[in-house]
N, C-alpha and C. Protein backbone atom coordinates (compact mmCIF):
# COMPACT_ATOMS: atom_id res chain seq x y z
N UNK A 1 113.51 92.84 -182.48
CA UNK A 1 113.59 91.79 -182.69
C UNK A 1 114.51 91.62 -180.61
N UNK A 2 114.44 90.66 -180.11
CA UNK A 2 115.41 90.56 -178.96
C UNK A 2 116.45 89.99 -179.51
N UNK A 3 117.84 90.85 -178.19
CA UNK A 3 119.25 89.58 -179.26
C UNK A 3 119.41 88.78 -177.98
N UNK A 4 120.37 88.12 -177.74
CA UNK A 4 120.60 86.89 -176.45
C UNK A 4 122.03 86.40 -176.44
N UNK A 5 122.40 86.12 -175.66
CA UNK A 5 124.15 85.99 -175.32
C UNK A 5 124.32 84.55 -176.12
N UNK A 6 125.60 83.94 -176.69
CA UNK A 6 125.66 82.90 -176.60
C UNK A 6 125.54 81.75 -175.48
N UNK A 7 126.01 81.87 -174.45
CA UNK A 7 124.91 81.18 -173.64
C UNK A 7 124.15 81.09 -173.38
N UNK A 8 122.95 82.37 -173.14
CA UNK A 8 121.88 81.75 -173.72
C UNK A 8 121.40 81.40 -174.50
N UNK A 9 121.22 80.98 -176.21
CA UNK A 9 121.62 81.01 -176.76
C UNK A 9 121.64 78.64 -176.64
N UNK A 10 122.77 78.54 -176.28
CA UNK A 10 123.30 77.71 -176.21
C UNK A 10 122.46 76.10 -174.90
N UNK A 11 121.48 76.98 -174.17
CA UNK A 11 121.30 76.87 -173.38
C UNK A 11 119.43 76.26 -174.12
N UNK A 12 119.48 77.17 -174.93
CA UNK A 12 117.39 77.21 -175.41
C UNK A 12 118.41 76.11 -175.74
N UNK A 13 118.99 76.07 -176.54
CA UNK A 13 119.81 74.28 -177.68
C UNK A 13 119.13 73.51 -177.08
N UNK A 14 119.76 73.17 -175.76
CA UNK A 14 119.89 71.69 -174.84
C UNK A 14 118.53 72.64 -174.37
N UNK A 15 117.18 73.16 -174.10
CA UNK A 15 115.45 73.21 -173.38
C UNK A 15 115.49 72.55 -175.45
N UNK A 16 115.76 73.23 -176.48
CA UNK A 16 114.67 72.41 -177.57
C UNK A 16 114.68 71.27 -177.46
N UNK A 17 116.17 70.56 -177.44
CA UNK A 17 116.36 69.01 -177.22
C UNK A 17 115.53 68.30 -176.89
N UNK A 18 115.65 68.65 -175.50
CA UNK A 18 114.87 68.10 -174.35
C UNK A 18 113.95 67.94 -175.02
N UNK A 19 113.01 68.71 -174.87
CA UNK A 19 111.15 69.17 -175.41
C UNK A 19 111.51 67.82 -176.33
N UNK A 20 111.95 68.23 -177.66
CA UNK A 20 111.72 67.01 -178.73
C UNK A 20 111.27 65.18 -177.75
N UNK A 21 112.14 65.50 -177.42
CA UNK A 21 112.69 63.68 -175.98
C UNK A 21 111.60 63.64 -175.37
N UNK A 22 110.97 64.08 -174.44
CA UNK A 22 109.82 64.47 -173.34
C UNK A 22 108.66 64.36 -174.02
N UNK A 23 108.59 64.72 -175.39
CA UNK A 23 106.69 64.69 -176.23
C UNK A 23 107.23 64.09 -177.90
N UNK A 24 107.61 63.12 -177.25
CA UNK A 24 107.50 62.42 -178.77
C UNK A 24 105.96 62.33 -179.73
N UNK A 25 104.84 62.59 -178.97
CA UNK A 25 103.88 62.82 -179.44
C UNK A 25 103.95 63.92 -180.40
N UNK A 26 103.59 64.98 -180.06
CA UNK A 26 104.11 66.27 -180.15
C UNK A 26 105.39 66.28 -181.79
N UNK A 27 106.62 66.24 -180.97
CA UNK A 27 107.60 66.40 -181.74
C UNK A 27 107.96 65.49 -182.69
N UNK A 28 107.38 63.88 -182.59
CA UNK A 28 108.22 62.65 -183.74
C UNK A 28 109.29 62.36 -183.54
N UNK A 29 109.85 62.59 -182.50
CA UNK A 29 111.59 62.42 -182.37
C UNK A 29 111.25 60.85 -181.37
N UNK A 30 112.42 60.38 -181.08
CA UNK A 30 112.75 59.25 -180.79
C UNK A 30 112.86 59.29 -179.38
N UNK A 31 112.99 58.20 -178.25
CA UNK A 31 112.81 58.93 -176.73
C UNK A 31 112.49 57.02 -176.44
N UNK A 32 113.59 57.41 -175.06
CA UNK A 32 113.62 56.38 -174.60
C UNK A 32 112.54 55.65 -173.57
N UNK A 33 112.48 54.40 -173.70
CA UNK A 33 110.54 53.59 -173.48
C UNK A 33 111.25 52.00 -172.18
N UNK A 34 112.45 52.79 -171.77
CA UNK A 34 112.31 51.54 -170.94
C UNK A 34 114.04 51.01 -169.95
N UNK A 35 114.50 50.25 -169.20
CA UNK A 35 115.44 50.84 -168.77
C UNK A 35 115.87 48.52 -168.19
N UNK A 36 116.62 48.32 -168.33
CA UNK A 36 117.17 46.99 -167.05
C UNK A 36 118.67 47.04 -166.91
N UNK A 37 118.76 45.46 -166.15
CA UNK A 37 120.35 45.22 -166.11
C UNK A 37 119.96 46.33 -165.01
N UNK A 38 121.59 45.19 -164.18
CA UNK A 38 122.31 46.05 -163.31
C UNK A 38 122.96 48.16 -163.54
N UNK A 39 122.01 48.49 -162.02
CA UNK A 39 123.16 50.66 -162.52
C UNK A 39 124.21 50.36 -162.21
N UNK A 40 124.79 51.29 -162.68
CA UNK A 40 126.39 51.37 -162.62
C UNK A 40 126.58 52.42 -161.20
N UNK A 41 127.33 52.67 -160.90
CA UNK A 41 128.32 53.98 -159.31
C UNK A 41 127.06 54.99 -160.01
N UNK A 42 126.88 55.34 -161.23
CA UNK A 42 126.03 56.51 -161.63
C UNK A 42 124.71 56.42 -161.49
N UNK A 43 124.30 55.46 -161.56
CA UNK A 43 122.93 55.61 -161.31
C UNK A 43 122.62 54.92 -162.62
N UNK A 44 123.46 54.51 -163.82
CA UNK A 44 122.71 54.19 -165.26
C UNK A 44 123.06 52.66 -165.00
N UNK A 45 121.48 51.55 -166.24
CA UNK A 45 120.99 51.02 -166.48
C UNK A 45 122.23 50.51 -167.72
N UNK A 46 122.54 48.90 -166.84
CA UNK A 46 122.62 48.03 -168.19
C UNK A 46 122.00 48.15 -169.72
N UNK A 47 121.06 48.19 -170.07
CA UNK A 47 120.34 48.55 -171.28
C UNK A 47 119.53 49.35 -170.96
N UNK A 48 119.55 50.19 -172.02
CA UNK A 48 117.95 51.25 -172.51
C UNK A 48 117.80 50.66 -173.57
N UNK A 49 115.97 50.89 -173.68
CA UNK A 49 115.26 50.34 -174.58
C UNK A 49 115.21 52.43 -175.80
N UNK A 50 115.20 52.31 -176.99
CA UNK A 50 114.57 53.04 -177.45
C UNK A 50 113.63 52.68 -178.43
N UNK A 51 112.21 54.07 -178.23
CA UNK A 51 111.59 53.48 -178.95
C UNK A 51 111.77 54.56 -180.20
N UNK A 52 111.72 54.11 -181.92
CA UNK A 52 111.37 55.34 -183.31
C UNK A 52 110.84 56.60 -182.85
N UNK A 53 108.94 56.30 -182.46
CA UNK A 53 108.51 57.49 -182.45
C UNK A 53 106.77 57.17 -181.20
N UNK A 54 106.14 57.39 -181.26
CA UNK A 54 105.12 57.21 -180.58
C UNK A 54 104.55 56.93 -181.15
N UNK A 55 103.68 55.68 -180.18
CA UNK A 55 102.40 55.19 -181.50
C UNK A 55 103.52 53.57 -182.30
N UNK A 56 104.55 53.70 -182.45
CA UNK A 56 105.00 52.48 -183.44
C UNK A 56 105.83 51.00 -181.81
N UNK A 57 105.11 50.07 -182.58
CA UNK A 57 105.69 49.05 -181.72
C UNK A 57 105.98 48.08 -181.37
N UNK A 58 107.59 48.56 -181.56
CA UNK A 58 108.73 48.16 -181.65
C UNK A 58 109.65 49.35 -180.49
N UNK A 59 111.06 48.54 -180.62
CA UNK A 59 112.13 49.41 -179.67
C UNK A 59 113.44 48.34 -179.75
N UNK A 60 114.49 49.46 -179.66
CA UNK A 60 115.70 48.69 -180.25
C UNK A 60 116.70 49.01 -178.57
N UNK A 61 117.02 47.87 -178.21
CA UNK A 61 117.93 47.63 -177.26
C UNK A 61 119.82 48.04 -176.94
N UNK A 62 119.72 49.07 -176.51
CA UNK A 62 121.08 49.61 -176.58
C UNK A 62 121.76 49.04 -175.17
N UNK A 63 123.40 48.66 -174.87
CA UNK A 63 123.90 47.76 -174.20
C UNK A 63 125.05 49.04 -173.97
N UNK A 64 124.77 49.07 -172.24
CA UNK A 64 125.96 49.88 -171.66
C UNK A 64 127.91 49.06 -172.60
N UNK A 65 128.31 50.16 -172.09
CA UNK A 65 130.05 49.35 -172.29
C UNK A 65 131.73 50.30 -171.94
N UNK A 66 132.08 49.22 -171.79
CA UNK A 66 132.55 50.27 -170.34
C UNK A 66 133.84 50.45 -171.14
């Protein structure tokens, strides 16, 4: 078995999370399905829409708080 460093393992964990949310039809995880409102100085929208799983006809709206 190949050994990896702690930094490599941390990167693997991050990539695994990215993959889960990038391909919800395969992973079954939630994903951002839209956005709205004014963007702040960092380019983040006022609201984002989250779908709990691919194929569902529902979403929740999360609003930015300062």
